[in-house]
Amino acid sequence: MEKVAKLSELKAPKLVTVGRKEVALFLVNGKVYCINNTCPHAGGPLCEGGLDNTTVTCPWHGWSFDVTSGNCVNPAYGAAINTHKVEVKGADVFVEV
């Protein structure tokens, strides 16, 4: 697990790099979630998308994903995004990819 952020930095979605992988962190109802930052449709940056409860929407073409599971909100697209293990220790956020 790699320390990637402070909990206080997650008032908005946050892009971090773990190794060579860009991932996006989201704080939803007091819990931190981590997904790949790249939308599988056209490579849009998910950390720049709008977050509505647990759903993030890609800013490029509107594909939406549940940050808790990685599943695409529209199952007809047949897409999903990888999620990653997150641990919060005190004020620090750790991610494993």
PDB file of N, CA and C in Angstrom:
ATOM      1  N   MET A   1       0.859  -1.181   0.000  1.00  0.00           N
ATOM      2  CA  MET A   1       0.000   0.000   0.000  1.00  0.00           C
ATOM      3  C   MET A   1       0.899   1.236   0.000  1.00  0.00           C
ATOM      4  N   GLU A   2       0.461   2.214  -0.762  1.00  0.00           N
ATOM      5  CA  GLU A   2       1.235   3.444  -0.881  1.00  0.00           C
ATOM      6  C   GLU A   2       0.425   4.629  -0.377  1.00  0.00           C
ATOM      7  N   LYS A   3       1.063   5.459   0.443  1.00  0.00           N
ATOM      8  CA  LYS A   3       0.405   6.677   0.921  1.00  0.00           C
ATOM      9  C   LYS A   3       0.267   7.632  -0.259  1.00  0.00           C
ATOM     10  N   VAL A   4      -0.975   8.108  -0.510  1.00  0.00           N
ATOM     11  CA  VAL A   4      -1.218   8.933  -1.689  1.00  0.00           C
ATOM     12  C   VAL A   4      -1.823  10.305  -1.383  1.00  0.00           C
ATOM     13  N   ALA A   5      -2.409  10.476  -0.214  1.00  0.00           N
ATOM     14  CA  ALA A   5      -3.079  11.750   0.074  1.00  0.00           C
ATOM     15  C   ALA A   5      -3.401  11.846   1.558  1.00  0.00           C
ATOM     16  N   LYS A   6      -3.787  13.047   1.939  1.00  0.00           N
ATOM     17  CA  LYS A   6      -4.363  13.296   3.256  1.00  0.00           C
ATOM     18  C   LYS A   6      -5.877  13.305   3.087  1.00  0.00           C
ATOM     19  N   LEU A   7      -6.585  12.807   4.058  1.00  0.00           N
ATOM     20  CA  LEU A   7      -8.041  12.781   4.019  1.00  0.00           C
ATOM     21  C   LEU A   7      -8.600  14.190   3.792  1.00  0.00           C
ATOM     22  N   SER A   8      -7.967  15.186   4.353  1.00  0.00           N
ATOM     23  CA  SER A   8      -8.439  16.575   4.220  1.00  0.00           C
ATOM     24  C   SER A   8      -8.347  17.094   2.781  1.00  0.00           C
ATOM     25  N   GLU A   9      -7.588  16.427   1.909  1.00  0.00           N
ATOM     26  CA  GLU A   9      -7.435  16.847   0.513  1.00  0.00           C
ATOM     27  C   GLU A   9      -8.575  16.353  -0.385  1.00  0.00           C
ATOM     28  N   LEU A  10      -9.502  15.580   0.169  1.00  0.00           N
ATOM     29  CA  LEU A  10     -10.520  14.933  -0.649  1.00  0.00           C
ATOM     30  C   LEU A  10     -11.879  15.622  -0.610  1.00  0.00           C
ATOM     31  N   LYS A  11     -11.877  16.922  -0.516  1.00  0.00           N
ATOM     32  CA  LYS A  11     -13.144  17.653  -0.581  1.00  0.00           C
ATOM     33  C   LYS A  11     -13.723  17.598  -1.994  1.00  0.00           C
ATOM     34  N   ALA A  12     -12.872  17.336  -2.980  1.00  0.00           N
ATOM     35  CA  ALA A  12     -13.255  17.135  -4.377  1.00  0.00           C
ATOM     36  C   ALA A  12     -12.496  15.906  -4.865  1.00  0.00           C
ATOM     37  N   PRO A  13     -12.923  15.291  -5.970  1.00  0.00           N
ATOM     38  CA  PRO A  13     -12.169  14.166  -6.518  1.00  0.00           C
ATOM     39  C   PRO A  13     -10.705  14.562  -6.718  1.00  0.00           C
ATOM     40  N   LYS A  14      -9.808  13.608  -6.485  1.00  0.00           N
ATOM     41  CA  LYS A  14      -8.373  13.902  -6.553  1.00  0.00           C
ATOM     42  C   LYS A  14      -7.661  12.868  -7.409  1.00  0.00           C
ATOM     43  N   LEU A  15      -6.836  13.366  -8.320  1.00  0.00           N
ATOM     44  CA  LEU A  15      -5.992  12.518  -9.144  1.00  0.00           C
ATOM     45  C   LEU A  15      -4.685  12.272  -8.409  1.00  0.00           C
ATOM     46  N   VAL A  16      -4.290  10.999  -8.328  1.00  0.00           N
ATOM     47  CA  VAL A  16      -2.992  10.643  -7.753  1.00  0.00           C
ATOM     48  C   VAL A  16      -2.342   9.586  -8.651  1.00  0.00           C
ATOM     49  N   THR A  17      -1.050   9.441  -8.512  1.00  0.00           N
ATOM     50  CA  THR A  17      -0.321   8.434  -9.266  1.00  0.00           C
ATOM     51  C   THR A  17       0.251   7.420  -8.290  1.00  0.00           C
ATOM     52  N   VAL A  18      -0.016   6.155  -8.563  1.00  0.00           N
ATOM     53  CA  VAL A  18       0.512   5.059  -7.761  1.00  0.00           C
ATOM     54  C   VAL A  18       1.369   4.226  -8.701  1.00  0.00           C
ATOM     55  N   GLY A  19       2.676   4.222  -8.457  1.00  0.00           N
ATOM     56  CA  GLY A  19       3.569   3.605  -9.427  1.00  0.00           C
ATOM     57  C   GLY A  19       3.497   4.418 -10.702  1.00  0.00           C
ATOM     58  N   ARG A  20       3.050   3.780 -11.784  1.00  0.00           N
ATOM     59  CA  ARG A  20       2.864   4.500 -13.050  1.00  0.00           C
ATOM     60  C   ARG A  20       1.391   4.637 -13.423  1.00  0.00           C
ATOM     61  N   LYS A  21       0.509   4.292 -12.506  1.00  0.00           N
ATOM     62  CA  LYS A  21      -0.926   4.296 -12.793  1.00  0.00           C
ATOM     63  C   LYS A  21      -1.601   5.514 -12.176  1.00  0.00           C
ATOM     64  N   GLU A  22      -2.374   6.231 -13.018  1.00  0.00           N
ATOM     65  CA  GLU A  22      -3.172   7.340 -12.520  1.00  0.00           C
ATOM     66  C   GLU A  22      -4.510   6.800 -12.029  1.00  0.00           C
ATOM     67  N   VAL A  23      -4.840   7.151 -10.791  1.00  0.00           N
ATOM     68  CA  VAL A  23      -6.110   6.728 -10.209  1.00  0.00           C
ATOM     69  C   VAL A  23      -6.807   7.952  -9.623  1.00  0.00           C
ATOM     70  N   ALA A  24      -8.099   7.825  -9.437  1.00  0.00           N
ATOM     71  CA  ALA A  24      -8.906   8.922  -8.899  1.00  0.00           C
ATOM     72  C   ALA A  24      -9.462   8.509  -7.541  1.00  0.00           C
ATOM     73  N   LEU A  25      -9.375   9.432  -6.593  1.00  0.00           N
ATOM     74  CA  LEU A  25      -9.910   9.214  -5.249  1.00  0.00           C
ATOM     75  C   LEU A  25     -11.192  10.016  -5.083  1.00  0.00           C
ATOM     76  N   PHE A  26     -12.168   9.396  -4.435  1.00  0.00           N
ATOM     77  CA  PHE A  26     -13.453  10.040  -4.176  1.00  0.00           C
ATOM     78  C   PHE A  26     -13.837   9.796  -2.720  1.00  0.00           C
ATOM     79  N   LEU A  27     -14.288  10.829  -2.043  1.00  0.00           N
ATOM     80  CA  LEU A  27     -14.798  10.712  -0.681  1.00  0.00           C
ATOM     81  C   LEU A  27     -16.313  10.796  -0.751  1.00  0.00           C
ATOM     82  N   VAL A  28     -16.982   9.691  -0.377  1.00  0.00           N
ATOM     83  CA  VAL A  28     -18.438   9.612  -0.439  1.00  0.00           C
ATOM     84  C   VAL A  28     -18.956   9.135   0.905  1.00  0.00           C
ATOM     85  N   ASN A  29     -19.750   9.973   1.546  1.00  0.00           N
ATOM     86  CA  ASN A  29     -20.352   9.615   2.840  1.00  0.00           C
ATOM     87  C   ASN A  29     -19.307   9.123   3.841  1.00  0.00           C
ATOM     88  N   GLY A  30     -18.163   9.793   3.875  1.00  0.00           N
ATOM     89  CA  GLY A  30     -17.129   9.461   4.846  1.00  0.00           C
ATOM     90  C   GLY A  30     -16.222   8.304   4.476  1.00  0.00           C
ATOM     91  N   LYS A  31     -16.421   7.699   3.319  1.00  0.00           N
ATOM     92  CA  LYS A  31     -15.587   6.576   2.890  1.00  0.00           C
ATOM     93  C   LYS A  31     -14.850   6.958   1.604  1.00  0.00           C
ATOM     94  N   VAL A  32     -13.590   6.511   1.497  1.00  0.00           N
ATOM     95  CA  VAL A  32     -12.774   6.828   0.332  1.00  0.00           C
ATOM     96  C   VAL A  32     -12.804   5.651  -0.644  1.00  0.00           C
ATOM     97  N   TYR A  33     -13.011   5.985  -1.931  1.00  0.00           N
ATOM     98  CA  TYR A  33     -13.008   4.994  -3.005  1.00  0.00           C
ATOM     99  C   TYR A  33     -11.951   5.380  -4.027  1.00  0.00           C
ATOM    100  N   CYS A  34     -11.412   4.379  -4.704  1.00  0.00           N
ATOM    101  CA  CYS A  34     -10.367   4.611  -5.691  1.00  0.00           C
ATOM    102  C   CYS A  34     -10.677   3.799  -6.949  1.00  0.00           C
ATOM    103  N   ILE A  35     -10.628   4.474  -8.103  1.00  0.00           N
ATOM    104  CA  ILE A  35     -10.842   3.817  -9.391  1.00  0.00           C
ATOM    105  C   ILE A  35      -9.757   4.280 -10.367  1.00  0.00           C
ATOM    106  N   ASN A  36      -9.572   3.522 -11.440  1.00  0.00           N
ATOM    107  CA  ASN A  36      -8.704   4.001 -12.515  1.00  0.00           C
ATOM    108  C   ASN A  36      -9.241   5.334 -12.992  1.00  0.00           C
ATOM    109  N   ASN A  37      -8.354   6.239 -13.353  1.00  0.00           N
ATOM    110  CA  ASN A  37      -8.776   7.572 -13.773  1.00  0.00           C
ATOM    111  C   ASN A  37      -9.240   7.621 -15.221  1.00  0.00           C
ATOM    112  N   THR A  38      -8.886   6.639 -16.022  1.00  0.00           N
ATOM    113  CA  THR A  38      -9.153   6.694 -17.456  1.00  0.00           C
ATOM    114  C   THR A  38     -10.452   5.976 -17.816  1.00  0.00           C
ATOM    115  N   CYS A  39     -11.383   6.702 -18.422  1.00  0.00           N
ATOM    116  CA  CYS A  39     -12.645   6.115 -18.873  1.00  0.00           C
ATOM    117  C   CYS A  39     -12.351   5.095 -19.977  1.00  0.00           C
ATOM    118  N   PRO A  40     -12.947   3.903 -19.919  1.00  0.00           N
ATOM    119  CA  PRO A  40     -12.675   2.890 -20.941  1.00  0.00           C
ATOM    120  C   PRO A  40     -13.281   3.217 -22.306  1.00  0.00           C
ATOM    121  N   HIS A  41     -14.175   4.188 -22.363  1.00  0.00           N
ATOM    122  CA  HIS A  41     -14.806   4.542 -23.635  1.00  0.00           C
ATOM    123  C   HIS A  41     -13.831   5.276 -24.554  1.00  0.00           C
ATOM    124  N   ALA A  42     -13.309   6.424 -24.089  1.00  0.00           N
ATOM    125  CA  ALA A  42     -12.433   7.218 -24.960  1.00  0.00           C
ATOM    126  C   ALA A  42     -11.264   7.837 -24.200  1.00  0.00           C
ATOM    127  N   GLY A  43     -11.010   7.333 -22.997  1.00  0.00           N
ATOM    128  CA  GLY A  43      -9.848   7.792 -22.249  1.00  0.00           C
ATOM    129  C   GLY A  43     -10.025   9.075 -21.475  1.00  0.00           C
ATOM    130  N   GLY A  44     -11.254   9.493 -21.254  1.00  0.00           N
ATOM    131  CA  GLY A  44     -11.503  10.732 -20.508  1.00  0.00           C
ATOM    132  C   GLY A  44     -11.042  10.631 -19.063  1.00  0.00           C
ATOM    133  N   PRO A  45     -10.690  11.783 -18.450  1.00  0.00           N
ATOM    134  CA  PRO A  45     -10.215  11.821 -17.068  1.00  0.00           C
ATOM    135  C   PRO A  45     -11.386  11.811 -16.069  1.00  0.00           C
ATOM    136  N   LEU A  46     -11.626  10.685 -15.448  1.00  0.00           N
ATOM    137  CA  LEU A  46     -12.784  10.556 -14.563  1.00  0.00           C
ATOM    138  C   LEU A  46     -12.711  11.475 -13.348  1.00  0.00           C
ATOM    139  N   CYS A  47     -11.499  11.799 -12.880  1.00  0.00           N
ATOM    140  CA  CYS A  47     -11.402  12.681 -11.712  1.00  0.00           C
ATOM    141  C   CYS A  47     -11.922  14.076 -12.015  1.00  0.00           C
ATOM    142  N   GLU A  48     -12.066  14.427 -13.304  1.00  0.00           N
ATOM    143  CA  GLU A  48     -12.593  15.735 -13.684  1.00  0.00           C
ATOM    144  C   GLU A  48     -14.099  15.699 -13.935  1.00  0.00           C
ATOM    145  N   GLY A  49     -14.701  14.521 -13.792  1.00  0.00           N
ATOM    146  CA  GLY A  49     -16.133  14.381 -14.027  1.00  0.00           C
ATOM    147  C   GLY A  49     -16.944  14.784 -12.818  1.00  0.00           C
ATOM    148  N   GLY A  50     -18.220  14.971 -13.047  1.00  0.00           N
ATOM    149  CA  GLY A  50     -19.123  15.303 -11.955  1.00  0.00           C
ATOM    150  C   GLY A  50     -19.409  14.080 -11.103  1.00  0.00           C
ATOM    151  N   LEU A  51     -19.504  14.281  -9.802  1.00  0.00           N
ATOM    152  CA  LEU A  51     -19.813  13.200  -8.870  1.00  0.00           C
ATOM    153  C   LEU A  51     -21.175  13.468  -8.256  1.00  0.00           C
ATOM    154  N   ASP A  52     -22.096  12.511  -8.412  1.00  0.00           N
ATOM    155  CA  ASP A  52     -23.427  12.590  -7.836  1.00  0.00           C
ATOM    156  C   ASP A  52     -23.611  11.371  -6.964  1.00  0.00           C
ATOM    157  N   ASN A  53     -23.538  11.564  -5.655  1.00  0.00           N
ATOM    158  CA  ASN A  53     -23.561  10.486  -4.680  1.00  0.00           C
ATOM    159  C   ASN A  53     -22.406   9.537  -4.981  1.00  0.00           C
ATOM    160  N   THR A  54     -22.645   8.334  -5.500  1.00  0.00           N
ATOM    161  CA  THR A  54     -21.546   7.403  -5.795  1.00  0.00           C
ATOM    162  C   THR A  54     -21.281   7.277  -7.290  1.00  0.00           C
ATOM    163  N   THR A  55     -21.880   8.125  -8.098  1.00  0.00           N
ATOM    164  CA  THR A  55     -21.741   8.022  -9.551  1.00  0.00           C
ATOM    165  C   THR A  55     -20.886   9.155 -10.099  1.00  0.00           C
ATOM    166  N   VAL A  56     -19.806   8.782 -10.792  1.00  0.00           N
ATOM    167  CA  VAL A  56     -18.967   9.765 -11.472  1.00  0.00           C
ATOM    168  C   VAL A  56     -19.264   9.684 -12.972  1.00  0.00           C
ATOM    169  N   THR A  57     -19.342  10.850 -13.606  1.00  0.00           N
ATOM    170  CA  THR A  57     -19.649  10.912 -15.027  1.00  0.00           C
ATOM    171  C   THR A  57     -18.451  11.476 -15.778  1.00  0.00           C
ATOM    172  N   CYS A  58     -18.013  10.743 -16.788  1.00  0.00           N
ATOM    173  CA  CYS A  58     -16.876  11.176 -17.592  1.00  0.00           C
ATOM    174  C   CYS A  58     -17.203  12.516 -18.265  1.00  0.00           C
ATOM    175  N   PRO A  59     -16.283  13.483 -18.174  1.00  0.00           N
ATOM    176  CA  PRO A  59     -16.560  14.799 -18.747  1.00  0.00           C
ATOM    177  C   PRO A  59     -16.521  14.824 -20.282  1.00  0.00           C
ATOM    178  N   TRP A  60     -15.990  13.801 -20.903  1.00  0.00           N
ATOM    179  CA  TRP A  60     -15.863  13.821 -22.363  1.00  0.00           C
ATOM    180  C   TRP A  60     -17.128  13.365 -23.081  1.00  0.00           C
ATOM    181  N   HIS A  61     -17.699  12.218 -22.688  1.00  0.00           N
ATOM    182  CA  HIS A  61     -18.847  11.686 -23.422  1.00  0.00           C
ATOM    183  C   HIS A  61     -19.980  11.202 -22.527  1.00  0.00           C
ATOM    184  N   GLY A  62     -19.883  11.456 -21.224  1.00  0.00           N
ATOM    185  CA  GLY A  62     -21.000  11.194 -20.346  1.00  0.00           C
ATOM    186  C   GLY A  62     -21.181   9.777 -19.839  1.00  0.00           C
ATOM    187  N   TRP A  63     -20.215   8.893 -20.068  1.00  0.00           N
ATOM    188  CA  TRP A  63     -20.348   7.562 -19.476  1.00  0.00           C
ATOM    189  C   TRP A  63     -20.232   7.705 -17.967  1.00  0.00           C
ATOM    190  N   SER A  64     -21.054   6.955 -17.215  1.00  0.00           N
ATOM    191  CA  SER A  64     -21.091   7.066 -15.759  1.00  0.00           C
ATOM    192  C   SER A  64     -20.737   5.740 -15.107  1.00  0.00           C
ATOM    193  N   PHE A  65     -20.026   5.835 -13.978  1.00  0.00           N
ATOM    194  CA  PHE A  65     -19.567   4.662 -13.252  1.00  0.00           C
ATOM    195  C   PHE A  65     -19.835   4.828 -11.767  1.00  0.00           C
ATOM    196  N   ASP A  66     -20.166   3.720 -11.107  1.00  0.00           N
ATOM    197  CA  ASP A  66     -20.331   3.701  -9.657  1.00  0.00           C
ATOM    198  C   ASP A  66     -18.938   3.553  -9.047  1.00  0.00           C
ATOM    199  N   VAL A  67     -18.497   4.534  -8.277  1.00  0.00           N
ATOM    200  CA  VAL A  67     -17.141   4.490  -7.724  1.00  0.00           C
ATOM    201  C   VAL A  67     -16.979   3.401  -6.667  1.00  0.00           C
ATOM    202  N   THR A  68     -18.076   2.884  -6.124  1.00  0.00           N
ATOM    203  CA  THR A  68     -17.977   1.836  -5.104  1.00  0.00           C
ATOM    204  C   THR A  68     -17.726   0.460  -5.707  1.00  0.00           C
ATOM    205  N   SER A  69     -18.156   0.257  -6.958  1.00  0.00           N
ATOM    206  CA  SER A  69     -18.032  -1.063  -7.584  1.00  0.00           C
ATOM    207  C   SER A  69     -17.257  -1.046  -8.897  1.00  0.00           C
ATOM    208  N   GLY A  70     -17.171   0.119  -9.534  1.00  0.00           N
ATOM    209  CA  GLY A  70     -16.544   0.228 -10.848  1.00  0.00           C
ATOM    210  C   GLY A  70     -17.486  -0.072 -11.996  1.00  0.00           C
ATOM    211  N   ASN A  71     -18.706  -0.483 -11.688  1.00  0.00           N
ATOM    212  CA  ASN A  71     -19.665  -0.836 -12.736  1.00  0.00           C
ATOM    213  C   ASN A  71     -20.174   0.387 -13.470  1.00  0.00           C
ATOM    214  N   CYS A  72     -20.372   0.225 -14.770  1.00  0.00           N
ATOM    215  CA  CYS A  72     -20.965   1.279 -15.586  1.00  0.00           C
ATOM    216  C   CYS A  72     -22.434   1.391 -15.207  1.00  0.00           C
ATOM    217  N   VAL A  73     -22.928   2.609 -15.048  1.00  0.00           N
ATOM    218  CA  VAL A  73     -24.311   2.824 -14.659  1.00  0.00           C
ATOM    219  C   VAL A  73     -25.263   2.334 -15.746  1.00  0.00           C
ATOM    220  N   ASN A  74     -24.855   2.420 -17.011  1.00  0.00           N
ATOM    221  CA  ASN A  74     -25.657   1.907 -18.120  1.00  0.00           C
ATOM    222  C   ASN A  74     -25.092   0.553 -18.538  1.00  0.00           C
ATOM    223  N   PRO A  75     -25.706  -0.550 -18.077  1.00  0.00           N
ATOM    224  CA  PRO A  75     -25.145  -1.874 -18.374  1.00  0.00           C
ATOM    225  C   PRO A  75     -25.110  -2.204 -19.861  1.00  0.00           C
ATOM    226  N   ALA A  76     -25.865  -1.479 -20.687  1.00  0.00           N
ATOM    227  CA  ALA A  76     -25.854  -1.739 -22.127  1.00  0.00           C
ATOM    228  C   ALA A  76     -24.474  -1.467 -22.726  1.00  0.00           C
ATOM    229  N   TYR A  77     -23.681  -0.602 -22.066  1.00  0.00           N
ATOM    230  CA  TYR A  77     -22.339  -0.303 -22.569  1.00  0.00           C
ATOM    231  C   TYR A  77     -21.376  -1.467 -22.330  1.00  0.00           C
ATOM    232  N   GLY A  78     -21.699  -2.322 -21.372  1.00  0.00           N
ATOM    233  CA  GLY A  78     -20.856  -3.483 -21.087  1.00  0.00           C
ATOM    234  C   GLY A  78     -19.461  -3.123 -20.618  1.00  0.00           C
ATOM    235  N   ALA A  79     -19.323  -2.024 -19.912  1.00  0.00           N
ATOM    236  CA  ALA A  79     -18.009  -1.566 -19.468  1.00  0.00           C
ATOM    237  C   ALA A  79     -17.959  -1.492 -17.949  1.00  0.00           C
ATOM    238  N   ALA A  80     -16.753  -1.532 -17.448  1.00  0.00           N
ATOM    239  CA  ALA A  80     -16.514  -1.328 -16.018  1.00  0.00           C
ATOM    240  C   ALA A  80     -15.129  -0.709 -15.881  1.00  0.00           C
ATOM    241  N   ILE A  81     -14.875  -0.160 -14.732  1.00  0.00           N
ATOM    242  CA  ILE A  81     -13.582   0.462 -14.437  1.00  0.00           C
ATOM    243  C   ILE A  81     -12.994  -0.268 -13.231  1.00  0.00           C
ATOM    244  N   ASN A  82     -11.689  -0.439 -13.201  1.00  0.00           N
ATOM    245  CA  ASN A  82     -11.046  -1.120 -12.075  1.00  0.00           C
ATOM    246  C   ASN A  82     -11.143  -0.273 -10.816  1.00  0.00           C
ATOM    247  N   THR A  83     -11.427  -0.939  -9.712  1.00  0.00           N
ATOM    248  CA  THR A  83     -11.394  -0.303  -8.403  1.00  0.00           C
ATOM    249  C   THR A  83     -10.135  -0.787  -7.691  1.00  0.00           C
ATOM    250  N   HIS A  84      -9.724  -0.035  -6.666  1.00  0.00           N
ATOM    251  CA  HIS A  84      -8.500  -0.380  -5.943  1.00  0.00           C
ATOM    252  C   HIS A  84      -8.738  -0.296  -4.439  1.00  0.00           C
ATOM    253  N   LYS A  85      -8.020  -1.124  -3.721  1.00  0.00           N
ATOM    254  CA  LYS A  85      -8.141  -1.184  -2.272  1.00  0.00           C
ATOM    255  C   LYS A  85      -7.633   0.111  -1.643  1.00  0.00           C
ATOM    256  N   VAL A  86      -8.419   0.629  -0.698  1.00  0.00           N
ATOM    257  CA  VAL A  86      -8.084   1.868   0.003  1.00  0.00           C
ATOM    258  C   VAL A  86      -8.098   1.603   1.502  1.00  0.00           C
ATOM    259  N   GLU A  87      -7.130   2.168   2.189  1.00  0.00           N
ATOM    260  CA  GLU A  87      -7.119   2.153   3.651  1.00  0.00           C
ATOM    261  C   GLU A  87      -6.864   3.573   4.139  1.00  0.00           C
ATOM    262  N   VAL A  88      -7.596   3.963   5.171  1.00  0.00           N
ATOM    263  CA  VAL A  88      -7.373   5.254   5.810  1.00  0.00           C
ATOM    264  C   VAL A  88      -6.807   4.962   7.187  1.00  0.00           C
ATOM    265  N   LYS A  89      -5.624   5.523   7.445  1.00  0.00           N
ATOM    266  CA  LYS A  89      -4.967   5.366   8.745  1.00  0.00           C
ATOM    267  C   LYS A  89      -4.756   6.755   9.315  1.00  0.00           C
ATOM    268  N   GLY A  90      -5.553   7.093  10.316  1.00  0.00           N
ATOM    269  CA  GLY A  90      -5.499   8.445  10.851  1.00  0.00           C
ATOM    270  C   GLY A  90      -5.983   9.414   9.794  1.00  0.00           C
ATOM    271  N   ALA A  91      -5.117  10.344   9.404  1.00  0.00           N
ATOM    272  CA  ALA A  91      -5.467  11.343   8.386  1.00  0.00           C
ATOM    273  C   ALA A  91      -4.887  10.988   7.019  1.00  0.00           C
ATOM    274  N   ASP A  92      -4.239   9.824   6.897  1.00  0.00           N
ATOM    275  CA  ASP A  92      -3.561   9.453   5.666  1.00  0.00           C
ATOM    276  C   ASP A  92      -4.353   8.412   4.874  1.00  0.00           C
ATOM    277  N   VAL A  93      -4.314   8.566   3.538  1.00  0.00           N
ATOM    278  CA  VAL A  93      -5.015   7.653   2.624  1.00  0.00           C
ATOM    279  C   VAL A  93      -3.963   6.817   1.883  1.00  0.00           C
ATOM    280  N   PHE A  94      -4.163   5.496   1.923  1.00  0.00           N
ATOM    281  CA  PHE A  94      -3.263   4.547   1.261  1.00  0.00           C
ATOM    282  C   PHE A  94      -4.036   3.793   0.199  1.00  0.00           C
ATOM    283  N   VAL A  95      -3.370   3.510  -0.929  1.00  0.00           N
ATOM    284  CA  VAL A  95      -3.994   2.794  -2.024  1.00  0.00           C
ATOM    285  C   VAL A  95      -3.092   1.657  -2.476  1.00  0.00           C
ATOM    286  N   GLU A  96      -3.717   0.558  -2.865  1.00  0.00           N
ATOM    287  CA  GLU A  96      -2.995  -0.578  -3.440  1.00  0.00           C
ATOM    288  C   GLU A  96      -3.531  -0.800  -4.851  1.00  0.00           C
ATOM    289  N   VAL A  97      -2.633  -0.789  -5.856  1.00  0.00           N
ATOM    290  CA  VAL A  97      -3.058  -1.059  -7.229  1.00  0.00           C
ATOM    291  C   VAL A  97      -2.436  -2.343  -7.716  1.00  0.00           C
TER     292      VAL A  97
END
